[in-house]
């Protein structure tokens, strides 16, 4: 067997292992929800811990990968220590109100674990282990153009506003605003943004989806095909939440609703890939984008057919202008495709 064939088989095996571990961790915790539903604090903590399944899977698979050279942008140790302590302080403050609802030793213990995970991930991002540094270092050593951060935060709110405007012009029902923040205060918005980023999926998911899975696939496939595969995996990962009716309001119920969920994940995955590549593999950028998507659709603006139309136009333009259908090695020679060394 050729060396290339061995590498291909090894990459496929690691990908299967990653998906199996990510789904195994997250689904196990989510399926426990009905069992502990009587303890709301414990149930909520398990749901939030489940969002870190992809991150844990990425760390485990990366840790067993073949040796790799170190990254050139490892953050200084002082920055790592300060960032980890700052993250721990923020998580303690954000989740402080939750302690009033803790009603069992198990709920208290798991809440402590949840509080420490973001700081632990920040600490690992400064690891001298080249495998972990390659996966996480871009969180503390930003290598992305400044404009990619603005795109990450503003793209989805602007697309949602344009979509709602389009629906209004056509005389259709825009839909109701998902939730209204208390008094619409900036403090409330920042708190919700922080809780969503750290515990609502973006941090725990993006380390897996865009931190490990996307670059692994993109090294061998076109960015477009890699995006669609990530989108299918990403959508299927949400199955337990769909079965619990979490997305009924936005996606509908039954198989049709879940199929819409997977399709929307594929559409978003193309946009995420474009920004990941344009940000030179900036993990923090896609974490911010994921947070913006979750907050916009969950708190700020309604999700409607107009938003879907706008996102389709945006994704199509991205695919065409950056030739996301081109496979490596041609893709790796383009400024718009980020394939880590």
C-alpha atoms as a PDB file:
ATOM      1  CA  UNK A   1       0.000   0.000   0.000  1.00  0.00           C
ATOM      2  CA  UNK A   2       1.292   3.484  -0.860  1.00  0.00           C
ATOM      3  CA  UNK A   3       2.106   6.014   1.826  1.00  0.00           C
ATOM      4  CA  UNK A   4      -0.679   8.257   0.494  1.00  0.00           C
ATOM      5  CA  UNK A   5      -3.195   5.425   0.833  1.00  0.00           C
ATOM      6  CA  UNK A   6      -2.084   4.843   4.423  1.00  0.00           C
ATOM      7  CA  UNK A   7      -2.532   8.534   5.208  1.00  0.00           C
ATOM      8  CA  UNK A   8      -6.006   8.513   3.623  1.00  0.00           C
ATOM      9  CA  UNK A   9      -7.076   5.506   5.687  1.00  0.00           C
ATOM     10  CA  UNK A  10      -5.645   7.051   8.842  1.00  0.00           C
ATOM     11  CA  UNK A  11      -7.514  10.316   8.241  1.00  0.00           C
ATOM     12  CA  UNK A  12     -10.757   8.428   7.608  1.00  0.00           C
ATOM     13  CA  UNK A  13     -10.313   6.396  10.802  1.00  0.00           C
ATOM     14  CA  UNK A  14      -9.663   9.535  12.848  1.00  0.00           C
ATOM     15  CA  UNK A  15     -12.719  11.211  11.333  1.00  0.00           C
ATOM     16  CA  UNK A  16     -14.935   8.264  12.233  1.00  0.00           C
ATOM     17  CA  UNK A  17     -13.456   8.239  15.739  1.00  0.00           C
ATOM     18  CA  UNK A  18     -14.073  11.961  16.122  1.00  0.00           C
ATOM     19  CA  UNK A  19     -17.726  11.731  15.046  1.00  0.00           C
ATOM     20  CA  UNK A  20     -18.330   8.661  17.235  1.00  0.00           C
ATOM     21  CA  UNK A  21     -16.857  10.291  20.344  1.00  0.00           C
ATOM     22  CA  UNK A  22     -18.586  13.642  19.759  1.00  0.00           C
ATOM     23  CA  UNK A  23     -21.978  12.032  19.256  1.00  0.00           C
ATOM     24  CA  UNK A  24     -21.432   9.542  22.077  1.00  0.00           C
ATOM     25  CA  UNK A  25     -20.672  12.216  24.678  1.00  0.00           C
ATOM     26  CA  UNK A  26     -23.335  14.711  23.618  1.00  0.00           C
ATOM     27  CA  UNK A  27     -26.137  12.247  22.940  1.00  0.00           C
ATOM     28  CA  UNK A  28     -25.519  10.375  26.220  1.00  0.00           C
ATOM     29  CA  UNK A  29     -25.909  13.575  28.213  1.00  0.00           C
ATOM     30  CA  UNK A  30     -28.891  14.830  26.202  1.00  0.00           C
ATOM     31  CA  UNK A  31     -30.751  11.541  26.490  1.00  0.00           C
ATOM     32  CA  UNK A  32     -30.356  11.767  30.263  1.00  0.00           C
ATOM     33  CA  UNK A  33     -32.497  14.901  30.251  1.00  0.00           C
ATOM     34  CA  UNK A  34     -35.873  13.126  30.677  1.00  0.00           C
ATOM     35  CA  UNK A  35     -34.427  11.068  33.537  1.00  0.00           C
ATOM     36  CA  UNK A  36     -33.355  14.135  35.534  1.00  0.00           C
ATOM     37  CA  UNK A  37     -36.016  16.556  34.295  1.00  0.00           C
ATOM     38  CA  UNK A  38     -37.393  16.839  37.841  1.00  0.00           C
ATOM     39  CA  UNK A  39     -34.139  18.599  38.808  1.00  0.00           C
ATOM     40  CA  UNK A  40     -34.129  21.601  36.466  1.00  0.00           C
ATOM     41  CA  UNK A  41     -30.678  22.780  37.522  1.00  0.00           C
ATOM     42  CA  UNK A  42     -29.120  19.371  36.864  1.00  0.00           C
ATOM     43  CA  UNK A  43     -30.965  18.984  33.553  1.00  0.00           C
ATOM     44  CA  UNK A  44     -29.788  22.387  32.305  1.00  0.00           C
ATOM     45  CA  UNK A  45     -26.198  21.687  33.347  1.00  0.00           C
ATOM     46  CA  UNK A  46     -26.207  18.329  31.530  1.00  0.00           C
ATOM     47  CA  UNK A  47     -27.559  20.015  28.399  1.00  0.00           C
ATOM     48  CA  UNK A  48     -24.763  22.583  28.489  1.00  0.00           C
ATOM     49  CA  UNK A  49     -22.072  20.012  29.227  1.00  0.00           C
ATOM     50  CA  UNK A  50     -23.276  18.087  26.168  1.00  0.00           C
ATOM     51  CA  UNK A  51     -22.286  20.993  23.909  1.00  0.00           C
ATOM     52  CA  UNK A  52     -18.627  20.258  24.685  1.00  0.00           C
ATOM     53  CA  UNK A  53     -18.781  16.781  23.132  1.00  0.00           C
ATOM     54  CA  UNK A  54     -17.197  17.941  19.834  1.00  0.00           C
ATOM     55  CA  UNK A  55     -14.427  19.802  21.698  1.00  0.00           C
ATOM     56  CA  UNK A  56     -13.552  16.767  23.821  1.00  0.00           C
ATOM     57  CA  UNK A  57     -13.615  14.545  20.731  1.00  0.00           C
ATOM     58  CA  UNK A  58     -11.286  16.923  18.874  1.00  0.00           C
ATOM     59  CA  UNK A  59      -8.812  16.984  21.773  1.00  0.00           C
ATOM     60  CA  UNK A  60      -8.822  13.202  22.105  1.00  0.00           C
ATOM     61  CA  UNK A  61      -8.365  12.589  18.387  1.00  0.00           C
ATOM     62  CA  UNK A  62      -5.771  15.352  18.001  1.00  0.00           C
ATOM     63  CA  UNK A  63      -3.857  13.969  20.960  1.00  0.00           C
ATOM     64  CA  UNK A  64      -3.549  10.583  19.244  1.00  0.00           C
ATOM     65  CA  UNK A  65      -2.664  11.971  15.818  1.00  0.00           C
ATOM     66  CA  UNK A  66       0.736  11.560  14.268  1.00  0.00           C
ATOM     67  CA  UNK A  67       3.425  13.892  15.530  1.00  0.00           C
ATOM     68  CA  UNK A  68       3.339  17.355  14.006  1.00  0.00           C
ATOM     69  CA  UNK A  69       5.625  20.331  14.074  1.00  0.00           C
ATOM     70  CA  UNK A  70       4.875  23.130  16.492  1.00  0.00           C
ATOM     71  CA  UNK A  71       2.867  26.162  15.515  1.00  0.00           C
ATOM     72  CA  UNK A  72       4.552  29.508  15.005  1.00  0.00           C
ATOM     73  CA  UNK A  73       1.889  31.506  16.807  1.00  0.00           C
ATOM     74  CA  UNK A  74       1.783  29.886  20.244  1.00  0.00           C
ATOM     75  CA  UNK A  75       0.620  32.467  22.786  1.00  0.00           C
ATOM     76  CA  UNK A  76       3.077  33.589  25.503  1.00  0.00           C
ATOM     77  CA  UNK A  77       2.683  31.760  28.808  1.00  0.00           C
ATOM     78  CA  UNK A  78       1.775  34.977  30.647  1.00  0.00           C
ATOM     79  CA  UNK A  79      -1.048  35.615  28.192  1.00  0.00           C
ATOM     80  CA  UNK A  80      -2.325  32.076  28.693  1.00  0.00           C
ATOM     81  CA  UNK A  81      -2.361  32.395  32.492  1.00  0.00           C
ATOM     82  CA  UNK A  82      -4.072  35.790  32.443  1.00  0.00           C
ATOM     83  CA  UNK A  83      -6.632  34.662  29.853  1.00  0.00           C
ATOM     84  CA  UNK A  84      -7.427  31.456  31.745  1.00  0.00           C
ATOM     85  CA  UNK A  85      -7.912  33.321  35.037  1.00  0.00           C
ATOM     86  CA  UNK A  86     -10.015  35.990  33.319  1.00  0.00           C
ATOM     87  CA  UNK A  87     -12.154  33.315  31.678  1.00  0.00           C
ATOM     88  CA  UNK A  88     -12.648  31.537  34.990  1.00  0.00           C
ATOM     89  CA  UNK A  89     -13.663  34.813  36.638  1.00  0.00           C
ATOM     90  CA  UNK A  90     -16.181  35.562  33.893  1.00  0.00           C
ATOM     91  CA  UNK A  91     -17.717  32.085  34.023  1.00  0.00           C
ATOM     92  CA  UNK A  92     -18.047  32.250  37.807  1.00  0.00           C
ATOM     93  CA  UNK A  93     -19.842  35.598  37.541  1.00  0.00           C
ATOM     94  CA  UNK A  94     -22.077  34.557  34.640  1.00  0.00           C
ATOM     95  CA  UNK A  95     -23.250  31.378  36.337  1.00  0.00           C
ATOM     96  CA  UNK A  96     -23.423  32.775  39.892  1.00  0.00           C
ATOM     97  CA  UNK A  97     -27.247  33.097  39.764  1.00  0.00           C
ATOM     98  CA  UNK A  98     -27.511  29.384  38.990  1.00  0.00           C
ATOM     99  CA  UNK A  99     -26.361  28.404  42.475  1.00  0.00           C
ATOM    100  CA  UNK A 100     -29.696  29.520  43.905  1.00  0.00           C
ATOM    101  CA  UNK A 101     -31.409  26.744  41.940  1.00  0.00           C
ATOM    102  CA  UNK A 102     -28.978  23.941  42.815  1.00  0.00           C
ATOM    103  CA  UNK A 103     -30.864  21.304  44.779  1.00  0.00           C
ATOM    104  CA  UNK A 104     -28.543  18.274  44.861  1.00  0.00           C
ATOM    105  CA  UNK A 105     -24.852  17.435  45.367  1.00  0.00           C
ATOM    106  CA  UNK A 106     -24.710  16.026  41.824  1.00  0.00           C
ATOM    107  CA  UNK A 107     -26.057  19.269  40.351  1.00  0.00           C
ATOM    108  CA  UNK A 108     -23.508  21.261  42.368  1.00  0.00           C
ATOM    109  CA  UNK A 109     -20.598  19.052  41.291  1.00  0.00           C
ATOM    110  CA  UNK A 110     -21.515  19.196  37.610  1.00  0.00           C
ATOM    111  CA  UNK A 111     -22.022  22.961  37.770  1.00  0.00           C
ATOM    112  CA  UNK A 112     -18.457  23.296  39.087  1.00  0.00           C
ATOM    113  CA  UNK A 113     -17.237  21.173  36.160  1.00  0.00           C
ATOM    114  CA  UNK A 114     -19.183  23.336  33.716  1.00  0.00           C
ATOM    115  CA  UNK A 115     -17.721  26.531  35.174  1.00  0.00           C
ATOM    116  CA  UNK A 116     -14.140  25.293  34.818  1.00  0.00           C
ATOM    117  CA  UNK A 117     -14.316  23.889  31.268  1.00  0.00           C
ATOM    118  CA  UNK A 118     -13.934  27.189  29.325  1.00  0.00           C
ATOM    119  CA  UNK A 119     -10.895  28.203  31.409  1.00  0.00           C
ATOM    120  CA  UNK A 120      -9.418  24.727  30.928  1.00  0.00           C
ATOM    121  CA  UNK A 121      -9.792  25.031  27.157  1.00  0.00           C
ATOM    122  CA  UNK A 122      -8.098  28.431  27.208  1.00  0.00           C
ATOM    123  CA  UNK A 123      -5.268  26.931  29.258  1.00  0.00           C
ATOM    124  CA  UNK A 124      -4.879  24.032  26.813  1.00  0.00           C
ATOM    125  CA  UNK A 125      -4.714  26.523  23.931  1.00  0.00           C
ATOM    126  CA  UNK A 126      -1.304  27.537  25.280  1.00  0.00           C
ATOM    127  CA  UNK A 127      -0.111  23.949  25.541  1.00  0.00           C
ATOM    128  CA  UNK A 128       3.429  23.147  24.467  1.00  0.00           C
ATOM    129  CA  UNK A 129       2.036  19.941  22.985  1.00  0.00           C
ATOM    130  CA  UNK A 130       2.088  20.790  19.245  1.00  0.00           C
ATOM    131  CA  UNK A 131      -1.033  18.706  18.584  1.00  0.00           C
ATOM    132  CA  UNK A 132      -3.151  20.726  21.041  1.00  0.00           C
ATOM    133  CA  UNK A 133      -1.471  24.013  20.134  1.00  0.00           C
ATOM    134  CA  UNK A 134      -2.265  23.467  16.456  1.00  0.00           C
ATOM    135  CA  UNK A 135      -5.916  22.886  17.342  1.00  0.00           C
ATOM    136  CA  UNK A 136      -6.493  25.737  19.792  1.00  0.00           C
ATOM    137  CA  UNK A 137      -3.727  28.342  19.575  1.00  0.00           C
ATOM    138  CA  UNK A 138      -5.692  30.698  17.300  1.00  0.00           C
ATOM    139  CA  UNK A 139      -8.034  31.434  20.226  1.00  0.00           C
ATOM    140  CA  UNK A 140      -5.313  33.376  22.059  1.00  0.00           C
ATOM    141  CA  UNK A 141      -3.045  34.216  19.117  1.00  0.00           C
ATOM    142  CA  UNK A 142      -5.400  35.858  16.630  1.00  0.00           C
ATOM    143  CA  UNK A 143      -4.079  35.607  13.095  1.00  0.00           C
ATOM    144  CA  UNK A 144      -7.225  36.846  11.389  1.00  0.00           C
ATOM    145  CA  UNK A 145      -7.809  40.141   9.548  1.00  0.00           C
ATOM    146  CA  UNK A 146      -9.720  42.666  11.644  1.00  0.00           C
ATOM    147  CA  UNK A 147     -12.681  42.744   9.274  1.00  0.00           C
ATOM    148  CA  UNK A 148     -13.415  39.047   9.772  1.00  0.00           C
ATOM    149  CA  UNK A 149     -14.380  39.755  13.386  1.00  0.00           C
ATOM    150  CA  UNK A 150     -16.885  42.376  12.232  1.00  0.00           C
ATOM    151  CA  UNK A 151     -18.317  39.952   9.683  1.00  0.00           C
ATOM    152  CA  UNK A 152     -18.631  37.283  12.375  1.00  0.00           C
ATOM    153  CA  UNK A 153     -20.657  39.535  14.654  1.00  0.00           C
ATOM    154  CA  UNK A 154     -22.723  41.485  12.107  1.00  0.00           C
ATOM    155  CA  UNK A 155     -23.365  39.107   9.193  1.00  0.00           C
ATOM    156  CA  UNK A 156     -26.278  37.187  10.662  1.00  0.00           C
ATOM    157  CA  UNK A 157     -28.107  40.149  12.279  1.00  0.00           C
ATOM    158  CA  UNK A 158     -27.835  42.082   8.992  1.00  0.00           C
ATOM    159  CA  UNK A 159     -29.005  39.047   6.987  1.00  0.00           C
ATOM    160  CA  UNK A 160     -31.937  38.589   9.393  1.00  0.00           C
ATOM    161  CA  UNK A 161     -32.918  42.245   9.086  1.00  0.00           C
ATOM    162  CA  UNK A 162     -32.703  42.095   5.272  1.00  0.00           C
ATOM    163  CA  UNK A 163     -34.736  38.894   5.250  1.00  0.00           C
ATOM    164  CA  UNK A 164     -37.451  40.407   7.432  1.00  0.00           C
ATOM    165  CA  UNK A 165     -37.501  43.485   5.202  1.00  0.00           C
ATOM    166  CA  UNK A 166     -37.911  41.283   2.122  1.00  0.00           C
ATOM    167  CA  UNK A 167     -40.805  39.405   3.703  1.00  0.00           C
ATOM    168  CA  UNK A 168     -42.443  42.694   4.688  1.00  0.00           C
ATOM    169  CA  UNK A 169     -42.143  44.057   1.138  1.00  0.00           C
ATOM    170  CA  UNK A 170     -43.852  40.927  -0.156  1.00  0.00           C
ATOM    171  CA  UNK A 171     -46.691  41.427   2.325  1.00  0.00           C
ATOM    172  CA  UNK A 172     -46.079  38.198   4.211  1.00  0.00           C
ATOM    173  CA  UNK A 173     -45.919  37.597   7.957  1.00  0.00           C
ATOM    174  CA  UNK A 174     -42.464  38.369   9.330  1.00  0.00           C
ATOM    175  CA  UNK A 175     -42.974  36.228  12.402  1.00  0.00           C
ATOM    176  CA  UNK A 176     -42.617  37.028  16.045  1.00  0.00           C
ATOM    177  CA  UNK A 177     -39.399  38.057  17.735  1.00  0.00           C
ATOM    178  CA  UNK A 178     -38.068  34.939  19.517  1.00  0.00           C
ATOM    179  CA  UNK A 179     -37.470  36.490  22.934  1.00  0.00           C
ATOM    180  CA  UNK A 180     -37.205  39.985  24.365  1.00  0.00           C
ATOM    181  CA  UNK A 181     -34.214  40.779  26.548  1.00  0.00           C
ATOM    182  CA  UNK A 182     -35.016  42.368  29.883  1.00  0.00           C
ATOM    183  CA  UNK A 183     -35.379  46.097  29.247  1.00  0.00           C
ATOM    184  CA  UNK A 184     -33.227  45.675  26.139  1.00  0.00           C
ATOM    185  CA  UNK A 185     -30.206  46.789  28.151  1.00  0.00           C
ATOM    186  CA  UNK A 186     -26.693  46.507  26.788  1.00  0.00           C
ATOM    187  CA  UNK A 187     -25.723  44.739  29.989  1.00  0.00           C
ATOM    188  CA  UNK A 188     -28.378  42.106  29.363  1.00  0.00           C
ATOM    189  CA  UNK A 189     -27.275  41.700  25.754  1.00  0.00           C
ATOM    190  CA  UNK A 190     -23.635  41.235  26.785  1.00  0.00           C
ATOM    191  CA  UNK A 191     -24.567  38.722  29.492  1.00  0.00           C
ATOM    192  CA  UNK A 192     -26.656  36.667  27.069  1.00  0.00           C
ATOM    193  CA  UNK A 193     -23.876  36.880  24.464  1.00  0.00           C
ATOM    194  CA  UNK A 194     -21.314  35.639  27.003  1.00  0.00           C
ATOM    195  CA  UNK A 195     -23.463  32.787  28.300  1.00  0.00           C
ATOM    196  CA  UNK A 196     -24.281  31.708  24.744  1.00  0.00           C
ATOM    197  CA  UNK A 197     -20.637  31.826  23.633  1.00  0.00           C
ATOM    198  CA  UNK A 198     -19.317  29.862  26.597  1.00  0.00           C
ATOM    199  CA  UNK A 199     -22.146  27.451  27.388  1.00  0.00           C
ATOM    200  CA  UNK A 200     -24.652  27.575  24.532  1.00  0.00           C
ATOM    201  CA  UNK A 201     -22.677  25.658  21.912  1.00  0.00           C
ATOM    202  CA  UNK A 202     -20.258  28.000  20.092  1.00  0.00           C
ATOM    203  CA  UNK A 203     -17.158  27.269  22.187  1.00  0.00           C
ATOM    204  CA  UNK A 204     -17.749  23.557  22.664  1.00  0.00           C
ATOM    205  CA  UNK A 205     -18.908  22.918  19.103  1.00  0.00           C
ATOM    206  CA  UNK A 206     -16.546  25.045  17.026  1.00  0.00           C
ATOM    207  CA  UNK A 207     -13.397  23.488  18.472  1.00  0.00           C
ATOM    208  CA  UNK A 208     -14.714  20.260  16.981  1.00  0.00           C
ATOM    209  CA  UNK A 209     -16.561  21.277  13.808  1.00  0.00           C
ATOM    210  CA  UNK A 210     -14.277  24.005  12.472  1.00  0.00           C
ATOM    211  CA  UNK A 211     -11.265  23.463  14.700  1.00  0.00           C
ATOM    212  CA  UNK A 212     -10.673  19.817  13.778  1.00  0.00           C
ATOM    213  CA  UNK A 213     -13.220  18.321  11.362  1.00  0.00           C
ATOM    214  CA  UNK A 214     -13.268  21.029   8.679  1.00  0.00           C
ATOM    215  CA  UNK A 215      -9.483  21.389   8.199  1.00  0.00           C
ATOM    216  CA  UNK A 216      -9.129  17.592   8.228  1.00  0.00           C
ATOM    217  CA  UNK A 217     -11.680  17.257   5.414  1.00  0.00           C
ATOM    218  CA  UNK A 218     -10.548  20.373   3.573  1.00  0.00           C
ATOM    219  CA  UNK A 219      -7.013  19.008   3.220  1.00  0.00           C
ATOM    220  CA  UNK A 220      -8.410  16.347   0.873  1.00  0.00           C
ATOM    221  CA  UNK A 221     -11.714  17.717  -0.426  1.00  0.00           C
ATOM    222  CA  UNK A 222     -12.940  20.971  -1.894  1.00  0.00           C
ATOM    223  CA  UNK A 223     -14.093  23.560   0.667  1.00  0.00           C
ATOM    224  CA  UNK A 224     -17.651  23.178  -0.639  1.00  0.00           C
ATOM    225  CA  UNK A 225     -17.769  19.397  -0.263  1.00  0.00           C
ATOM    226  CA  UNK A 226     -16.038  19.591   3.112  1.00  0.00           C
ATOM    227  CA  UNK A 227     -18.642  22.154   4.202  1.00  0.00           C
ATOM    228  CA  UNK A 228     -21.540  19.932   3.185  1.00  0.00           C
ATOM    229  CA  UNK A 229     -20.110  16.960   5.080  1.00  0.00           C
ATOM    230  CA  UNK A 230     -19.575  19.097   8.181  1.00  0.00           C
ATOM    231  CA  UNK A 231     -23.112  20.462   7.765  1.00  0.00           C
ATOM    232  CA  UNK A 232     -24.659  16.976   7.680  1.00  0.00           C
ATOM    233  CA  UNK A 233     -22.669  15.886  10.750  1.00  0.00           C
ATOM    234  CA  UNK A 234     -23.508  19.151  12.506  1.00  0.00           C
ATOM    235  CA  UNK A 235     -27.213  18.775  11.753  1.00  0.00           C
ATOM    236  CA  UNK A 236     -27.396  15.092  12.763  1.00  0.00           C
ATOM    237  CA  UNK A 237     -25.614  15.894  16.031  1.00  0.00           C
ATOM    238  CA  UNK A 238     -28.671  17.970  17.043  1.00  0.00           C
ATOM    239  CA  UNK A 239     -31.083  15.010  16.679  1.00  0.00           C
ATOM    240  CA  UNK A 240     -31.758  14.479  20.435  1.00  0.00           C
ATOM    241  CA  UNK A 241     -32.676  18.161  20.808  1.00  0.00           C
ATOM    242  CA  UNK A 242     -34.990  17.933  17.800  1.00  0.00           C
ATOM    243  CA  UNK A 243     -36.693  14.874  19.294  1.00  0.00           C
ATOM    244  CA  UNK A 244     -37.283  16.900  22.465  1.00  0.00           C
ATOM    245  CA  UNK A 245     -38.989  19.639  20.469  1.00  0.00           C
ATOM    246  CA  UNK A 246     -36.325  22.289  21.041  1.00  0.00           C
ATOM    247  CA  UNK A 247     -36.484  23.431  17.398  1.00  0.00           C
ATOM    248  CA  UNK A 248     -40.199  22.892  16.716  1.00  0.00           C
ATOM    249  CA  UNK A 249     -40.958  26.623  16.552  1.00  0.00           C
ATOM    250  CA  UNK A 250     -38.317  27.384  13.932  1.00  0.00           C
ATOM    251  CA  UNK A 251     -37.970  24.105  12.015  1.00  0.00           C
ATOM    252  CA  UNK A 252     -41.211  22.215  12.455  1.00  0.00           C
ATOM    253  CA  UNK A 253     -41.789  18.732  13.813  1.00  0.00           C
ATOM    254  CA  UNK A 254     -41.185  15.195  12.609  1.00  0.00           C
ATOM    255  CA  UNK A 255     -38.839  13.991   9.857  1.00  0.00           C
ATOM    256  CA  UNK A 256     -39.574  17.018   7.652  1.00  0.00           C
ATOM    257  CA  UNK A 257     -38.574  19.387  10.432  1.00  0.00           C
ATOM    258  CA  UNK A 258     -35.371  17.489  11.091  1.00  0.00           C
ATOM    259  CA  UNK A 259     -34.530  17.383   7.376  1.00  0.00           C
ATOM    260  CA  UNK A 260     -34.939  21.171   7.344  1.00  0.00           C
ATOM    261  CA  UNK A 261     -32.606  21.345  10.337  1.00  0.00           C
ATOM    262  CA  UNK A 262     -29.900  19.377   8.505  1.00  0.00           C
ATOM    263  CA  UNK A 263     -30.364  21.431   5.332  1.00  0.00           C
ATOM    264  CA  UNK A 264     -30.037  24.690   7.261  1.00  0.00           C
ATOM    265  CA  UNK A 265     -26.881  23.363   8.920  1.00  0.00           C
ATOM    266  CA  UNK A 266     -25.390  22.652   5.477  1.00  0.00           C
ATOM    267  CA  UNK A 267     -26.218  26.178   4.305  1.00  0.00           C
ATOM    268  CA  UNK A 268     -24.672  27.719   7.400  1.00  0.00           C
ATOM    269  CA  UNK A 269     -21.648  25.414   7.148  1.00  0.00           C
ATOM    270  CA  UNK A 270     -20.767  26.887   3.743  1.00  0.00           C
ATOM    271  CA  UNK A 271     -20.811  30.398   5.220  1.00  0.00           C
ATOM    272  CA  UNK A 272     -18.801  29.270   8.247  1.00  0.00           C
ATOM    273  CA  UNK A 273     -16.204  27.645   5.980  1.00  0.00           C
ATOM    274  CA  UNK A 274     -15.836  30.787   3.893  1.00  0.00           C
ATOM    275  CA  UNK A 275     -15.214  32.899   6.999  1.00  0.00           C
ATOM    276  CA  UNK A 276     -12.912  30.270   8.528  1.00  0.00           C
ATOM    277  CA  UNK A 277     -10.773  30.294   5.403  1.00  0.00           C
ATOM    278  CA  UNK A 278     -10.831  34.068   5.024  1.00  0.00           C
ATOM    279  CA  UNK A 279      -9.826  34.439   8.698  1.00  0.00           C
ATOM    280  CA  UNK A 280      -6.830  32.134   8.136  1.00  0.00           C
ATOM    281  CA  UNK A 281      -8.268  29.429  10.349  1.00  0.00           C
ATOM    282  CA  UNK A 282      -9.384  31.818  13.073  1.00  0.00           C
ATOM    283  CA  UNK A 283     -11.188  29.677  15.645  1.00  0.00           C
ATOM    284  CA  UNK A 284     -12.225  32.723  17.663  1.00  0.00           C
ATOM    285  CA  UNK A 285     -13.828  34.221  14.544  1.00  0.00           C
ATOM    286  CA  UNK A 286     -16.104  31.225  13.913  1.00  0.00           C
ATOM    287  CA  UNK A 287     -16.917  31.011  17.634  1.00  0.00           C
ATOM    288  CA  UNK A 288     -18.123  34.615  17.441  1.00  0.00           C
ATOM    289  CA  UNK A 289     -20.089  33.869  14.268  1.00  0.00           C
ATOM    290  CA  UNK A 290     -21.770  30.874  15.914  1.00  0.00           C
ATOM    291  CA  UNK A 291     -22.647  33.011  18.925  1.00  0.00           C
ATOM    292  CA  UNK A 292     -24.116  35.687  16.683  1.00  0.00           C
ATOM    293  CA  UNK A 293     -26.206  33.100  14.824  1.00  0.00           C
ATOM    294  CA  UNK A 294     -27.554  31.583  18.033  1.00  0.00           C
ATOM    295  CA  UNK A 295     -28.325  34.940  19.636  1.00  0.00           C
ATOM    296  CA  UNK A 296     -29.923  36.465  16.554  1.00  0.00           C
ATOM    297  CA  UNK A 297     -32.221  33.518  15.921  1.00  0.00           C
ATOM    298  CA  UNK A 298     -32.864  32.944  19.623  1.00  0.00           C
ATOM    299  CA  UNK A 299     -33.321  36.436  21.009  1.00  0.00           C
ATOM    300  CA  UNK A 300     -33.161  39.315  18.543  1.00  0.00           C
ATOM    301  CA  UNK A 301     -34.847  38.728  15.184  1.00  0.00           C
ATOM    302  CA  UNK A 302     -37.307  36.189  13.771  1.00  0.00           C
ATOM    303  CA  UNK A 303     -36.278  33.332  11.503  1.00  0.00           C
ATOM    304  CA  UNK A 304     -38.295  33.322   8.270  1.00  0.00           C
ATOM    305  CA  UNK A 305     -38.140  32.447   4.578  1.00  0.00           C
ATOM    306  CA  UNK A 306     -36.642  35.849   3.837  1.00  0.00           C
ATOM    307  CA  UNK A 307     -33.603  35.051   5.979  1.00  0.00           C
ATOM    308  CA  UNK A 308     -33.159  31.731   4.174  1.00  0.00           C
ATOM    309  CA  UNK A 309     -33.280  33.496   0.792  1.00  0.00           C
ATOM    310  CA  UNK A 310     -30.685  36.064   1.860  1.00  0.00           C
ATOM    311  CA  UNK A 311     -28.372  33.357   3.238  1.00  0.00           C
ATOM    312  CA  UNK A 312     -28.699  31.358   0.007  1.00  0.00           C
ATOM    313  CA  UNK A 313     -27.633  34.390  -2.009  1.00  0.00           C
ATOM    314  CA  UNK A 314     -24.705  35.072   0.332  1.00  0.00           C
ATOM    315  CA  UNK A 315     -23.550  31.441   0.295  1.00  0.00           C
ATOM    316  CA  UNK A 316     -23.807  31.249  -3.499  1.00  0.00           C
ATOM    317  CA  UNK A 317     -21.697  34.387  -3.909  1.00  0.00           C
ATOM    318  CA  UNK A 318     -19.112  32.969  -1.517  1.00  0.00           C
ATOM    319  CA  UNK A 319     -18.895  29.667  -3.388  1.00  0.00           C
ATOM    320  CA  UNK A 320     -18.559  31.347  -6.787  1.00  0.00           C
ATOM    321  CA  UNK A 321     -16.183  34.180  -5.916  1.00  0.00           C
ATOM    322  CA  UNK A 322     -13.817  31.989  -3.881  1.00  0.00           C
ATOM    323  CA  UNK A 323     -14.180  28.934  -6.135  1.00  0.00           C
ATOM    324  CA  UNK A 324     -15.031  26.780  -3.141  1.00  0.00           C
ATOM    325  CA  UNK A 325     -15.699  23.864  -5.507  1.00  0.00           C
ATOM    326  CA  UNK A 326     -11.972  23.514  -6.318  1.00  0.00           C
ATOM    327  CA  UNK A 327     -10.147  20.579  -4.731  1.00  0.00           C
ATOM    328  CA  UNK A 328      -6.636  20.569  -3.214  1.00  0.00           C
ATOM    329  CA  UNK A 329      -3.846  21.082  -4.074  1.00  0.00           C
ATOM    330  CA  UNK A 330      -5.189  23.918  -6.216  1.00  0.00           C
ATOM    331  CA  UNK A 331      -7.373  25.121  -3.336  1.00  0.00           C
ATOM    332  CA  UNK A 332      -4.437  25.200  -0.921  1.00  0.00           C
ATOM    333  CA  UNK A 333      -2.642  27.616  -3.227  1.00  0.00           C
ATOM    334  CA  UNK A 334      -5.461  30.150  -2.983  1.00  0.00           C
ATOM    335  CA  UNK A 335      -5.405  32.933  -0.441  1.00  0.00           C
ATOM    336  CA  UNK A 336      -9.074  32.234   0.296  1.00  0.00           C
ATOM    337  CA  UNK A 337      -8.559  28.633   1.440  1.00  0.00           C
ATOM    338  CA  UNK A 338      -6.891  27.926   4.771  1.00  0.00           C
ATOM    339  CA  UNK A 339      -5.265  24.503   5.083  1.00  0.00           C
ATOM    340  CA  UNK A 340      -2.994  24.321   8.168  1.00  0.00           C
ATOM    341  CA  UNK A 341       0.519  23.052   7.613  1.00  0.00           C
END
